[in-house]
Amino acid sequence: MSSVAVPKEQQSAYQRWEMSSFAEGKSGTGSNKLKVKDTKPDNSQSVNLILDNIRKEAYTKGMQEGFIVGMAKAKEHAQAERAQLAHLITGFNTALERADEAIAEDILSLAIEIAKSMLKVKLNIDAAAVIPVVVDAIHYLPNVQKPARILVHHEDAHILREYLAEEIASQQWQIIEDSNIERGGCLVETGANQIDATNAVRWKRITEALSKHDDWLLP
């Protein structure tokens, strides 16, 4: 085939068809080239993966920090409750002690009242109750100096003269009747000493020893 180019108007119908087919084939060959798939990574998927990891890390860190803060608050709350409980226990023990003291005081007061009532009854029904009182009062004296007198209620004077006649005579005691002295009590006097063994004074000594104040003359 001649390589000399033949003008188009001089070409035969076959030549024009051949050239046209060649051009079309060339064009088709170009269009049928294999297309290569773009292998670049999908940027949106990478970003989503990174964001997901960040969210997970943030969640984990938040949970850990929240746990630490929660434990600290729980510990603080527990300490406050322990302190409050200790305060309540201390107050309760104090209240119990005060209650015990109050009960003890009440019991002691009641015992004193009972003892006073029983003693007064004894003095009224026991005619000889004055005898040990007078004997104890005389024994408290370091020595007996004249004049030596025993002041008692007039009813008790008869009892002393009857039961202590020898002792009174040997030491030359004088029995003086005094209506101001209650039955069961006495007042012993010598030239140098005086022993007050009246009921009111003896009762006062007893209650003072118990750190209590109770008037014998009150009912």
N, C-alpha and C. Protein backbone atom coordinates (compact mmCIF):
# COMPACT_ATOMS: atom_id res chain seq x y z
N MET A 1 0.87 -1.19 0.00
CA MET A 1 0.00 0.00 0.00
C MET A 1 0.89 1.21 0.00
N SER A 2 0.54 2.15 -0.88
CA SER A 2 1.35 3.36 -1.00
C SER A 2 1.11 4.23 0.20
N SER A 3 2.22 4.80 0.67
CA SER A 3 2.15 5.67 1.83
C SER A 3 1.88 7.10 1.47
N VAL A 4 1.73 7.31 0.13
CA VAL A 4 1.49 8.70 -0.32
C VAL A 4 0.07 9.04 0.00
N ALA A 5 -0.08 10.14 0.57
CA ALA A 5 -1.42 10.57 0.94
C ALA A 5 -2.19 10.99 -0.28
N VAL A 6 -3.39 10.51 -0.38
CA VAL A 6 -4.26 10.83 -1.51
C VAL A 6 -5.30 11.80 -1.03
N PRO A 7 -5.43 12.90 -1.75
CA PRO A 7 -6.45 13.86 -1.33
C PRO A 7 -7.79 13.17 -1.22
N LYS A 8 -8.60 13.72 -0.36
CA LYS A 8 -9.87 13.10 -0.05
C LYS A 8 -10.80 13.07 -1.23
N GLU A 9 -10.76 14.15 -2.04
CA GLU A 9 -11.66 14.20 -3.18
C GLU A 9 -11.26 13.23 -4.26
N GLN A 10 -9.94 12.79 -4.20
CA GLN A 10 -9.48 11.85 -5.18
C GLN A 10 -9.58 10.42 -4.70
N GLN A 11 -9.92 10.23 -3.43
CA GLN A 11 -10.00 8.88 -2.87
C GLN A 11 -11.26 8.20 -3.38
N SER A 12 -11.11 6.87 -3.48
CA SER A 12 -12.28 6.10 -3.91
C SER A 12 -13.19 5.89 -2.73
N ALA A 13 -14.35 5.41 -2.96
CA ALA A 13 -15.30 5.18 -1.87
C ALA A 13 -14.74 4.18 -0.89
N TYR A 14 -14.04 3.21 -1.29
CA TYR A 14 -13.43 2.21 -0.43
C TYR A 14 -12.40 2.83 0.45
N GLN A 15 -11.57 3.70 -0.15
CA GLN A 15 -10.52 4.33 0.64
C GLN A 15 -11.12 5.23 1.73
N ARG A 16 -12.18 5.94 1.34
CA ARG A 16 -12.81 6.81 2.34
C ARG A 16 -13.41 5.97 3.46
N TRP A 17 -13.99 4.81 3.14
CA TRP A 17 -14.58 3.93 4.16
C TRP A 17 -13.52 3.35 5.05
N GLU A 18 -12.40 2.97 4.46
CA GLU A 18 -11.29 2.37 5.20
C GLU A 18 -10.73 3.37 6.20
N MET A 19 -10.57 4.59 5.79
CA MET A 19 -10.01 5.61 6.66
C MET A 19 -10.99 5.90 7.79
N SER A 20 -12.28 5.89 7.38
CA SER A 20 -13.29 6.16 8.40
C SER A 20 -13.33 5.05 9.42
N SER A 21 -13.23 3.80 8.99
CA SER A 21 -13.24 2.66 9.90
C SER A 21 -12.02 2.67 10.78
N PHE A 22 -10.91 3.05 10.22
CA PHE A 22 -9.67 3.10 10.99
C PHE A 22 -9.76 4.14 12.09
N ALA A 23 -10.34 5.26 11.69
CA ALA A 23 -10.47 6.34 12.70
C ALA A 23 -11.37 5.91 13.83
N GLU A 24 -12.47 5.21 13.45
CA GLU A 24 -13.40 4.75 14.47
C GLU A 24 -12.76 3.69 15.36
N GLY A 25 -11.99 2.81 14.75
CA GLY A 25 -11.33 1.77 15.53
C GLY A 25 -10.32 2.35 16.47
N LYS A 26 -9.64 3.36 15.98
CA LYS A 26 -8.65 4.00 16.85
C LYS A 26 -9.31 4.67 18.03
N SER A 27 -10.42 5.28 17.67
CA SER A 27 -11.16 5.95 18.75
C SER A 27 -11.72 4.95 19.73
N GLY A 28 -12.21 3.82 19.22
CA GLY A 28 -12.78 2.78 20.10
C GLY A 28 -11.73 2.15 20.95
N THR A 29 -10.54 1.96 20.32
CA THR A 29 -9.45 1.37 21.11
C THR A 29 -9.12 2.22 22.29
N GLY A 30 -9.16 3.51 22.06
CA GLY A 30 -8.85 4.42 23.19
C GLY A 30 -9.91 4.38 24.27
N SER A 31 -11.15 4.19 23.83
CA SER A 31 -12.24 4.19 24.82
C SER A 31 -12.32 2.89 25.57
N ASN A 32 -11.73 1.79 25.00
CA ASN A 32 -11.80 0.49 25.65
C ASN A 32 -10.61 0.21 26.55
N LYS A 33 -9.80 1.23 26.81
CA LYS A 33 -8.67 1.03 27.70
C LYS A 33 -9.17 0.64 29.08
N LEU A 34 -8.42 -0.24 29.78
CA LEU A 34 -8.78 -0.71 31.11
C LEU A 34 -8.66 0.42 32.12
N LYS A 35 -9.76 0.68 32.82
CA LYS A 35 -9.76 1.72 33.83
C LYS A 35 -9.20 1.18 35.15
N VAL A 36 -8.23 1.85 35.75
CA VAL A 36 -7.59 1.44 37.01
C VAL A 36 -8.35 2.05 38.18
N LYS A 37 -8.74 1.21 39.07
CA LYS A 37 -9.50 1.67 40.24
C LYS A 37 -8.62 2.50 41.16
N ASP A 38 -9.20 3.60 41.64
CA ASP A 38 -8.48 4.48 42.57
C ASP A 38 -8.29 3.75 43.90
N THR A 39 -7.02 3.50 44.26
CA THR A 39 -6.71 2.73 45.48
C THR A 39 -6.43 3.61 46.68
N LYS A 40 -6.69 4.92 46.57
CA LYS A 40 -6.45 5.80 47.72
C LYS A 40 -7.41 5.47 48.85
N PRO A 41 -6.98 5.50 50.13
CA PRO A 41 -7.86 5.16 51.26
C PRO A 41 -8.98 6.17 51.41
N ASP A 42 -10.10 5.65 51.96
CA ASP A 42 -11.27 6.50 52.20
C ASP A 42 -11.00 7.35 53.44
N ASN A 43 -10.85 8.65 53.27
CA ASN A 43 -10.49 9.56 54.38
C ASN A 43 -11.60 9.62 55.43
N SER A 44 -12.84 9.52 55.02
CA SER A 44 -13.97 9.61 55.97
C SER A 44 -13.95 8.45 56.96
N GLN A 45 -13.61 7.26 56.49
CA GLN A 45 -13.54 6.10 57.39
C GLN A 45 -12.42 6.26 58.41
N SER A 46 -11.29 6.78 57.98
CA SER A 46 -10.16 7.00 58.90
C SER A 46 -10.52 8.01 59.98
N VAL A 47 -11.19 9.09 59.56
CA VAL A 47 -11.59 10.12 60.53
C VAL A 47 -12.57 9.55 61.53
N ASN A 48 -13.53 8.76 61.04
CA ASN A 48 -14.51 8.15 61.95
C ASN A 48 -13.84 7.20 62.95
N LEU A 49 -12.84 6.45 62.46
CA LEU A 49 -12.13 5.54 63.35
C LEU A 49 -11.37 6.29 64.43
N ILE A 50 -10.73 7.38 64.03
CA ILE A 50 -9.98 8.20 64.99
C ILE A 50 -10.93 8.81 66.02
N LEU A 51 -12.06 9.35 65.54
CA LEU A 51 -13.03 9.94 66.45
C LEU A 51 -13.61 8.91 67.43
N ASP A 52 -13.83 7.71 66.90
CA ASP A 52 -14.36 6.65 67.75
C ASP A 52 -13.36 6.28 68.85
N ASN A 53 -12.08 6.20 68.50
CA ASN A 53 -11.03 5.91 69.50
C ASN A 53 -10.95 7.01 70.54
N ILE A 54 -11.07 8.26 70.05
CA ILE A 54 -11.01 9.39 70.98
C ILE A 54 -12.18 9.34 71.96
N ARG A 55 -13.37 9.02 71.41
CA ARG A 55 -14.54 8.92 72.28
C ARG A 55 -14.37 7.82 73.33
N LYS A 56 -13.84 6.68 72.91
CA LYS A 56 -13.63 5.58 73.84
C LYS A 56 -12.64 5.96 74.94
N GLU A 57 -11.52 6.60 74.52
CA GLU A 57 -10.52 7.02 75.50
C GLU A 57 -11.11 8.04 76.48
N ALA A 58 -11.88 9.00 75.92
CA ALA A 58 -12.49 10.02 76.78
C ALA A 58 -13.48 9.38 77.75
N TYR A 59 -14.25 8.42 77.28
CA TYR A 59 -15.22 7.73 78.14
C TYR A 59 -14.50 6.98 79.27
N THR A 60 -13.44 6.26 78.88
CA THR A 60 -12.68 5.50 79.88
C THR A 60 -12.05 6.43 80.91
N LYS A 61 -11.47 7.52 80.41
CA LYS A 61 -10.83 8.47 81.33
C LYS A 61 -11.88 9.12 82.23
N GLY A 62 -13.03 9.46 81.63
CA GLY A 62 -14.10 10.05 82.43
C GLY A 62 -14.60 9.10 83.50
N MET A 63 -14.74 7.82 83.16
CA MET A 63 -15.18 6.84 84.13
C MET A 63 -14.17 6.71 85.27
N GLN A 64 -12.88 6.69 84.92
CA GLN A 64 -11.84 6.57 85.95
C GLN A 64 -11.83 7.79 86.86
N GLU A 65 -11.91 8.98 86.26
CA GLU A 65 -11.92 10.19 87.08
C GLU A 65 -13.17 10.26 87.93
N GLY A 66 -14.31 9.88 87.34
CA GLY A 66 -15.55 9.87 88.11
C GLY A 66 -15.49 8.88 89.26
N PHE A 67 -14.87 7.74 89.03
CA PHE A 67 -14.73 6.74 90.09
C PHE A 67 -13.87 7.27 91.22
N ILE A 68 -12.76 7.94 90.85
CA ILE A 68 -11.86 8.50 91.87
C ILE A 68 -12.59 9.56 92.69
N VAL A 69 -13.29 10.47 91.99
CA VAL A 69 -14.03 11.52 92.68
C VAL A 69 -15.13 10.92 93.56
N GLY A 70 -15.82 9.93 93.02
CA GLY A 70 -16.89 9.29 93.78
C GLY A 70 -16.36 8.60 95.02
N MET A 71 -15.23 7.91 94.90
CA MET A 71 -14.64 7.24 96.06
C MET A 71 -14.20 8.25 97.11
N ALA A 72 -13.63 9.38 96.64
CA ALA A 72 -13.20 10.42 97.58
C ALA A 72 -14.40 10.98 98.34
N LYS A 73 -15.48 11.24 97.62
CA LYS A 73 -16.68 11.76 98.28
C LYS A 73 -17.28 10.72 99.23
N ALA A 74 -17.27 9.47 98.80
CA ALA A 74 -17.80 8.41 99.66
C ALA A 74 -16.96 8.29 100.94
N LYS A 75 -15.64 8.39 100.80
CA LYS A 75 -14.75 8.32 101.96
C LYS A 75 -15.00 9.49 102.89
N GLU A 76 -15.15 10.68 102.30
CA GLU A 76 -15.42 11.87 103.10
C GLU A 76 -16.76 11.73 103.83
N HIS A 77 -17.75 11.22 103.12
CA HIS A 77 -19.06 11.03 103.73
C HIS A 77 -19.00 10.00 104.85
N ALA A 78 -18.24 8.93 104.64
CA ALA A 78 -18.10 7.89 105.67
C ALA A 78 -17.41 8.44 106.91
N GLN A 79 -16.38 9.26 106.69
CA GLN A 79 -15.68 9.86 107.82
C GLN A 79 -16.61 10.77 108.61
N ALA A 80 -17.42 11.54 107.88
CA ALA A 80 -18.37 12.43 108.55
C ALA A 80 -19.39 11.63 109.35
N GLU A 81 -19.84 10.52 108.80
CA GLU A 81 -20.80 9.68 109.51
C GLU A 81 -20.17 9.04 110.75
N ARG A 82 -18.89 8.62 110.61
CA ARG A 82 -18.21 8.04 111.78
C ARG A 82 -18.05 9.08 112.88
N ALA A 83 -17.70 10.31 112.48
CA ALA A 83 -17.55 11.38 113.47
C ALA A 83 -18.88 11.68 114.15
N GLN A 84 -19.95 11.70 113.35
CA GLN A 84 -21.28 11.94 113.92
C GLN A 84 -21.69 10.81 114.85
N LEU A 85 -21.39 9.57 114.45
CA LEU A 85 -21.72 8.42 115.28
C LEU A 85 -20.94 8.46 116.59
N ALA A 86 -19.65 8.82 116.49
CA ALA A 86 -18.83 8.92 117.71
C ALA A 86 -19.38 9.99 118.64
N HIS A 87 -19.83 11.11 118.05
CA HIS A 87 -20.42 12.18 118.86
C HIS A 87 -21.70 11.71 119.54
N LEU A 88 -22.52 10.96 118.79
CA LEU A 88 -23.76 10.44 119.36
C LEU A 88 -23.48 9.45 120.49
N ILE A 89 -22.46 8.59 120.29
CA ILE A 89 -22.11 7.62 121.32
C ILE A 89 -21.62 8.34 122.58
N THR A 90 -20.78 9.37 122.38
CA THR A 90 -20.28 10.13 123.53
C THR A 90 -21.43 10.80 124.27
N GLY A 91 -22.35 11.40 123.50
CA GLY A 91 -23.50 12.03 124.13
C GLY A 91 -24.38 11.04 124.85
N PHE A 92 -24.53 9.86 124.24
CA PHE A 92 -25.34 8.82 124.87
C PHE A 92 -24.71 8.35 126.17
N ASN A 93 -23.38 8.14 126.14
CA ASN A 93 -22.70 7.71 127.37
C ASN A 93 -22.79 8.78 128.45
N THR A 94 -22.65 10.05 128.03
CA THR A 94 -22.77 11.14 129.00
C THR A 94 -24.16 11.17 129.60
N ALA A 95 -25.16 10.99 128.72
CA ALA A 95 -26.54 10.99 129.21
C ALA A 95 -26.78 9.83 130.18
N LEU A 96 -26.18 8.67 129.86
CA LEU A 96 -26.32 7.52 130.76
C LEU A 96 -25.66 7.80 132.11
N GLU A 97 -24.47 8.42 132.05
CA GLU A 97 -23.79 8.73 133.31
C GLU A 97 -24.62 9.70 134.14
N ARG A 98 -25.16 10.72 133.44
CA ARG A 98 -25.99 11.68 134.16
C ARG A 98 -27.25 11.01 134.71
N ALA A 99 -27.81 10.13 133.89
CA ALA A 99 -29.00 9.41 134.35
C ALA A 99 -28.68 8.54 135.55
N ASP A 100 -27.50 7.86 135.48
CA ASP A 100 -27.09 7.02 136.61
C ASP A 100 -26.90 7.86 137.86
N GLU A 101 -26.27 9.04 137.68
CA GLU A 101 -26.05 9.92 138.82
C GLU A 101 -27.38 10.40 139.39
N ALA A 102 -28.29 10.76 138.46
CA ALA A 102 -29.60 11.24 138.93
C ALA A 102 -30.36 10.13 139.66
N ILE A 103 -30.29 8.92 139.09
CA ILE A 103 -30.96 7.79 139.74
C ILE A 103 -30.34 7.51 141.11
N ALA A 104 -28.99 7.55 141.15
CA ALA A 104 -28.31 7.32 142.42
C ALA A 104 -28.70 8.37 143.46
N GLU A 105 -28.80 9.62 143.01
CA GLU A 105 -29.20 10.69 143.93
C GLU A 105 -30.62 10.46 144.42
N ASP A 106 -31.47 10.07 143.50
CA ASP A 106 -32.86 9.82 143.89
C ASP A 106 -32.96 8.65 144.88
N ILE A 107 -32.19 7.60 144.60
CA ILE A 107 -32.21 6.44 145.50
C ILE A 107 -31.67 6.81 146.87
N LEU A 108 -30.59 7.61 146.88
CA LEU A 108 -30.03 8.02 148.16
C LEU A 108 -31.01 8.89 148.93
N SER A 109 -31.66 9.81 148.22
CA SER A 109 -32.65 10.67 148.89
C SER A 109 -33.79 9.83 149.46
N LEU A 110 -34.22 8.86 148.67
CA LEU A 110 -35.29 7.99 149.14
C LEU A 110 -34.85 7.18 150.36
N ALA A 111 -33.61 6.69 150.31
CA ALA A 111 -33.10 5.91 151.44
C ALA A 111 -33.02 6.76 152.70
N ILE A 112 -32.61 8.01 152.54
CA ILE A 112 -32.52 8.91 153.70
C ILE A 112 -33.90 9.16 154.29
N GLU A 113 -34.87 9.39 153.39
CA GLU A 113 -36.22 9.63 153.87
C GLU A 113 -36.77 8.41 154.62
N ILE A 114 -36.50 7.23 154.06
CA ILE A 114 -36.97 6.01 154.71
C ILE A 114 -36.28 5.83 156.07
N ALA A 115 -34.97 6.07 156.08
CA ALA A 115 -34.22 5.91 157.33
C ALA A 115 -34.72 6.88 158.40
N LYS A 116 -35.00 8.11 157.99
CA LYS A 116 -35.49 9.09 158.96
C LYS A 116 -36.85 8.68 159.52
N SER A 117 -37.70 8.22 158.64
CA SER A 117 -39.03 7.78 159.10
C SER A 117 -38.93 6.61 160.05
N MET A 118 -38.06 5.65 159.69
CA MET A 118 -37.91 4.48 160.55
C MET A 118 -37.32 4.86 161.90
N LEU A 119 -36.35 5.79 161.89
CA LEU A 119 -35.72 6.21 163.13
C LEU A 119 -36.71 6.93 164.03
N LYS A 120 -37.53 7.76 163.44
CA LYS A 120 -38.53 8.47 164.25
C LYS A 120 -39.53 7.49 164.85
N VAL A 121 -39.91 6.51 164.07
CA VAL A 121 -40.83 5.50 164.59
C VAL A 121 -40.18 4.74 165.73
N LYS A 122 -38.90 4.39 165.56
CA LYS A 122 -38.18 3.64 166.60
C LYS A 122 -38.10 4.46 167.90
N LEU A 123 -37.81 5.76 167.77
CA LEU A 123 -37.70 6.61 168.95
C LEU A 123 -39.03 6.73 169.68
N ASN A 124 -40.11 6.66 168.91
CA ASN A 124 -41.42 6.79 169.54
C ASN A 124 -41.88 5.51 170.22
N ILE A 125 -41.48 4.39 169.69
CA ILE A 125 -41.98 3.13 170.25
C ILE A 125 -40.97 2.44 171.16
N ASP A 126 -39.68 2.84 171.06
CA ASP A 126 -38.65 2.21 171.88
C ASP A 126 -38.26 3.17 173.00
N ALA A 127 -38.73 2.90 174.18
CA ALA A 127 -38.47 3.80 175.30
C ALA A 127 -36.99 3.83 175.69
N ALA A 128 -36.29 2.73 175.43
CA ALA A 128 -34.88 2.65 175.82
C ALA A 128 -33.92 3.12 174.73
N ALA A 129 -34.45 3.72 173.65
CA ALA A 129 -33.59 4.14 172.54
C ALA A 129 -32.59 5.21 172.95
N VAL A 130 -32.90 5.96 173.99
CA VAL A 130 -32.02 7.04 174.42
C VAL A 130 -30.77 6.52 175.11
N ILE A 131 -30.81 5.32 175.67
CA ILE A 131 -29.70 4.81 176.46
C ILE A 131 -28.39 4.71 175.65
N PRO A 132 -28.33 4.03 174.49
CA PRO A 132 -27.08 3.97 173.76
C PRO A 132 -26.61 5.34 173.28
N VAL A 133 -27.54 6.26 173.07
CA VAL A 133 -27.16 7.62 172.64
C VAL A 133 -26.40 8.31 173.76
N VAL A 134 -26.90 8.21 174.98
CA VAL A 134 -26.24 8.84 176.13
C VAL A 134 -24.90 8.19 176.41
N VAL A 135 -24.84 6.87 176.31
CA VAL A 135 -23.58 6.15 176.57
C VAL A 135 -22.51 6.57 175.56
N ASP A 136 -22.87 6.65 174.28
CA ASP A 136 -21.91 7.06 173.25
C ASP A 136 -21.44 8.50 173.47
N ALA A 137 -22.35 9.36 173.87
CA ALA A 137 -21.99 10.77 174.10
C ALA A 137 -21.00 10.89 175.25
N ILE A 138 -21.21 10.13 176.31
CA ILE A 138 -20.29 10.16 177.45
C ILE A 138 -18.92 9.64 177.05
N HIS A 139 -18.89 8.62 176.19
CA HIS A 139 -17.61 8.05 175.77
C HIS A 139 -16.80 9.01 174.90
N TYR A 140 -17.46 9.95 174.25
CA TYR A 140 -16.75 10.94 173.43
C TYR A 140 -15.99 11.96 174.28
N LEU A 141 -16.37 12.06 175.52
CA LEU A 141 -15.71 13.04 176.39
C LEU A 141 -14.30 12.57 176.76
N PRO A 142 -13.28 13.43 176.62
CA PRO A 142 -11.93 13.01 177.00
C PRO A 142 -11.80 12.78 178.50
N ASN A 143 -12.51 13.57 179.27
CA ASN A 143 -12.55 13.37 180.73
C ASN A 143 -13.80 14.06 181.27
N VAL A 144 -14.18 13.68 182.43
CA VAL A 144 -15.39 14.23 183.04
C VAL A 144 -14.98 15.22 184.12
N GLN A 145 -15.39 16.46 183.90
CA GLN A 145 -15.12 17.50 184.88
C GLN A 145 -16.46 18.00 185.44
N LYS A 146 -16.43 18.24 186.71
CA LYS A 146 -17.64 18.72 187.37
C LYS A 146 -17.84 20.20 187.06
N PRO A 147 -19.10 20.59 186.90
CA PRO A 147 -20.30 19.77 186.99
C PRO A 147 -20.52 18.97 185.71
N ALA A 148 -21.12 17.78 185.85
CA ALA A 148 -21.40 16.91 184.71
C ALA A 148 -22.90 16.69 184.64
N ARG A 149 -23.48 17.10 183.47
CA ARG A 149 -24.94 17.04 183.36
C ARG A 149 -25.36 16.33 182.07
N ILE A 150 -26.50 15.67 182.17
CA ILE A 150 -27.11 15.04 180.99
C ILE A 150 -28.50 15.63 180.84
N LEU A 151 -28.69 16.37 179.74
CA LEU A 151 -29.97 17.01 179.48
C LEU A 151 -30.77 16.14 178.51
N VAL A 152 -31.96 15.72 178.93
CA VAL A 152 -32.81 14.85 178.10
C VAL A 152 -34.27 15.26 178.27
N HIS A 153 -35.09 14.67 177.41
CA HIS A 153 -36.53 14.86 177.53
C HIS A 153 -36.99 14.25 178.85
N HIS A 154 -38.02 14.81 179.42
CA HIS A 154 -38.43 14.37 180.76
C HIS A 154 -38.83 12.90 180.77
N GLU A 155 -39.39 12.38 179.70
CA GLU A 155 -39.73 10.96 179.67
C GLU A 155 -38.49 10.08 179.62
N ASP A 156 -37.45 10.57 178.94
CA ASP A 156 -36.19 9.82 178.86
C ASP A 156 -35.43 9.90 180.19
N ALA A 157 -35.65 10.95 180.94
CA ALA A 157 -34.97 11.09 182.25
C ALA A 157 -35.34 9.92 183.16
N HIS A 158 -36.58 9.51 183.14
CA HIS A 158 -37.01 8.38 183.96
C HIS A 158 -36.32 7.09 183.51
N ILE A 159 -36.15 6.93 182.21
CA ILE A 159 -35.49 5.73 181.67
C ILE A 159 -34.03 5.69 182.11
N LEU A 160 -33.32 6.83 182.05
CA LEU A 160 -31.90 6.87 182.44
C LEU A 160 -31.74 6.57 183.93
N ARG A 161 -32.58 7.11 184.73
CA ARG A 161 -32.47 6.87 186.17
C ARG A 161 -32.73 5.40 186.49
N GLU A 162 -33.53 4.76 185.64
CA GLU A 162 -33.83 3.36 185.90
C GLU A 162 -32.75 2.43 185.37
N TYR A 163 -32.25 2.67 184.19
CA TYR A 163 -31.32 1.73 183.57
C TYR A 163 -29.86 2.09 183.80
N LEU A 164 -29.54 3.34 184.08
CA LEU A 164 -28.14 3.75 184.27
C LEU A 164 -27.92 4.33 185.66
N ALA A 165 -28.62 3.81 186.62
CA ALA A 165 -28.54 4.36 187.99
C ALA A 165 -27.12 4.25 188.55
N GLU A 166 -26.47 3.10 188.39
CA GLU A 166 -25.14 2.90 188.96
C GLU A 166 -24.11 3.79 188.26
N GLU A 167 -24.13 3.85 186.96
CA GLU A 167 -23.16 4.66 186.22
C GLU A 167 -23.33 6.14 186.56
N ILE A 168 -24.57 6.57 186.64
CA ILE A 168 -24.83 7.98 186.94
C ILE A 168 -24.35 8.32 188.37
N ALA A 169 -24.59 7.40 189.27
CA ALA A 169 -24.19 7.65 190.66
C ALA A 169 -22.69 7.62 190.82
N SER A 170 -21.98 6.69 190.16
CA SER A 170 -20.54 6.56 190.33
C SER A 170 -19.78 7.77 189.78
N GLN A 171 -20.30 8.36 188.73
CA GLN A 171 -19.61 9.50 188.12
C GLN A 171 -20.30 10.82 188.47
N GLN A 172 -21.29 10.71 189.31
CA GLN A 172 -21.98 11.90 189.81
C GLN A 172 -22.59 12.75 188.69
N TRP A 173 -23.26 12.04 187.80
CA TRP A 173 -23.95 12.76 186.73
C TRP A 173 -25.27 13.32 187.24
N GLN A 174 -25.61 14.48 186.73
CA GLN A 174 -26.90 15.07 187.05
C GLN A 174 -27.83 14.91 185.83
N ILE A 175 -29.01 14.40 186.05
CA ILE A 175 -30.00 14.25 184.98
C ILE A 175 -30.88 15.49 184.98
N ILE A 176 -30.83 16.24 183.91
CA ILE A 176 -31.62 17.47 183.79
C ILE A 176 -32.70 17.26 182.74
N GLU A 177 -33.93 17.48 183.13
CA GLU A 177 -35.04 17.37 182.19
C GLU A 177 -35.17 18.67 181.39
N ASP A 178 -35.23 18.49 180.06
CA ASP A 178 -35.33 19.67 179.17
C ASP A 178 -36.37 19.35 178.10
N SER A 179 -37.46 20.06 178.09
CA SER A 179 -38.55 19.81 177.14
C SER A 179 -38.19 20.23 175.71
N ASN A 180 -37.13 21.01 175.56
CA ASN A 180 -36.70 21.43 174.22
C ASN A 180 -35.94 20.33 173.49
N ILE A 181 -35.54 19.31 174.26
CA ILE A 181 -34.80 18.21 173.64
C ILE A 181 -35.79 17.10 173.28
N GLU A 182 -35.74 16.66 172.03
CA GLU A 182 -36.65 15.63 171.54
C GLU A 182 -36.29 14.28 172.15
N ARG A 183 -37.28 13.44 172.29
CA ARG A 183 -37.05 12.11 172.82
C ARG A 183 -36.07 11.34 171.94
N GLY A 184 -35.15 10.59 172.59
CA GLY A 184 -34.15 9.83 171.88
C GLY A 184 -32.84 10.55 171.74
N GLY A 185 -32.81 11.85 172.05
CA GLY A 185 -31.57 12.62 171.98
C GLY A 185 -31.16 13.13 173.34
N CYS A 186 -29.95 13.70 173.40
CA CYS A 186 -29.47 14.23 174.67
C CYS A 186 -28.41 15.31 174.43
N LEU A 187 -28.12 16.02 175.47
CA LEU A 187 -27.04 17.02 175.45
C LEU A 187 -26.20 16.78 176.70
N VAL A 188 -24.91 16.44 176.50
CA VAL A 188 -24.02 16.13 177.62
C VAL A 188 -23.07 17.31 177.83
N GLU A 189 -23.02 17.79 179.07
CA GLU A 189 -22.19 18.96 179.39
C GLU A 189 -21.31 18.66 180.60
N THR A 190 -20.05 19.16 180.50
CA THR A 190 -19.14 19.11 181.65
C THR A 190 -18.55 20.50 181.81
N GLY A 191 -17.66 20.63 182.76
CA GLY A 191 -17.06 21.93 182.99
C GLY A 191 -16.22 22.41 181.81
N ALA A 192 -15.75 21.49 180.96
CA ALA A 192 -14.87 21.88 179.85
C ALA A 192 -15.39 21.50 178.47
N ASN A 193 -16.36 20.59 178.41
CA ASN A 193 -16.82 20.09 177.10
C ASN A 193 -18.33 20.03 177.01
N GLN A 194 -18.81 19.92 175.76
CA GLN A 194 -20.23 19.71 175.51
C GLN A 194 -20.38 18.80 174.30
N ILE A 195 -21.21 17.80 174.43
CA ILE A 195 -21.52 16.88 173.33
C ILE A 195 -22.99 17.02 172.98
N ASP A 196 -23.23 17.47 171.75
CA ASP A 196 -24.61 17.62 171.30
C ASP A 196 -25.01 16.34 170.57
N ALA A 197 -25.85 15.55 171.21
CA ALA A 197 -26.33 14.30 170.63
C ALA A 197 -27.83 14.35 170.44
N THR A 198 -28.35 15.54 170.15
CA THR A 198 -29.78 15.66 169.85
C THR A 198 -30.05 15.00 168.50
N ASN A 199 -31.29 14.67 168.28
CA ASN A 199 -31.66 13.98 167.06
C ASN A 199 -31.32 14.81 165.81
N ALA A 200 -31.61 16.10 165.86
CA ALA A 200 -31.38 16.96 164.70
C ALA A 200 -29.90 17.04 164.34
N VAL A 201 -29.04 17.18 165.36
CA VAL A 201 -27.61 17.30 165.10
C VAL A 201 -27.04 15.96 164.62
N ARG A 202 -27.44 14.86 165.24
CA ARG A 202 -26.94 13.56 164.79
C ARG A 202 -27.39 13.26 163.36
N TRP A 203 -28.60 13.63 163.03
CA TRP A 203 -29.09 13.41 161.67
C TRP A 203 -28.34 14.29 160.66
N LYS A 204 -28.02 15.50 161.06
CA LYS A 204 -27.27 16.39 160.19
C LYS A 204 -25.90 15.82 159.89
N ARG A 205 -25.25 15.25 160.88
CA ARG A 205 -23.93 14.64 160.66
C ARG A 205 -24.03 13.49 159.66
N ILE A 206 -25.07 12.69 159.79
CA ILE A 206 -25.24 11.54 158.89
C ILE A 206 -25.44 12.01 157.44
N THR A 207 -26.33 12.97 157.23
CA THR A 207 -26.63 13.43 155.87
C THR A 207 -25.44 14.18 155.26
N GLU A 208 -24.70 14.92 156.06
CA GLU A 208 -23.52 15.62 155.55
C GLU A 208 -22.45 14.61 155.12
N ALA A 209 -22.35 13.52 155.84
CA ALA A 209 -21.39 12.49 155.45
C ALA A 209 -21.75 11.88 154.10
N LEU A 210 -23.03 11.93 153.76
CA LEU A 210 -23.51 11.43 152.47
C LEU A 210 -23.62 12.54 151.43
N SER A 211 -23.09 13.73 151.79
CA SER A 211 -23.14 14.90 150.89
C SER A 211 -24.58 15.28 150.55
N LYS A 212 -25.45 15.13 151.52
CA LYS A 212 -26.84 15.50 151.35
C LYS A 212 -27.24 16.45 152.46
N HIS A 213 -28.30 17.20 152.18
CA HIS A 213 -28.83 18.09 153.21
C HIS A 213 -30.29 17.74 153.41
N ASP A 214 -30.61 17.33 154.62
CA ASP A 214 -31.98 16.95 154.94
C ASP A 214 -32.27 17.36 156.37
N ASP A 215 -33.26 18.18 156.51
CA ASP A 215 -33.62 18.70 157.84
C ASP A 215 -34.41 17.65 158.61
N TRP A 216 -33.92 17.35 159.79
CA TRP A 216 -34.57 16.34 160.61
C TRP A 216 -35.99 16.77 161.02
N LEU A 217 -36.19 18.05 161.19
CA LEU A 217 -37.47 18.55 161.66
C LEU A 217 -38.54 18.54 160.56
N LEU A 218 -38.09 18.45 159.28
CA LEU A 218 -39.06 18.40 158.19
C LEU A 218 -39.62 16.98 158.07
N PRO A 219 -40.89 16.87 157.69
CA PRO A 219 -41.49 15.53 157.57
C PRO A 219 -40.87 14.73 156.42
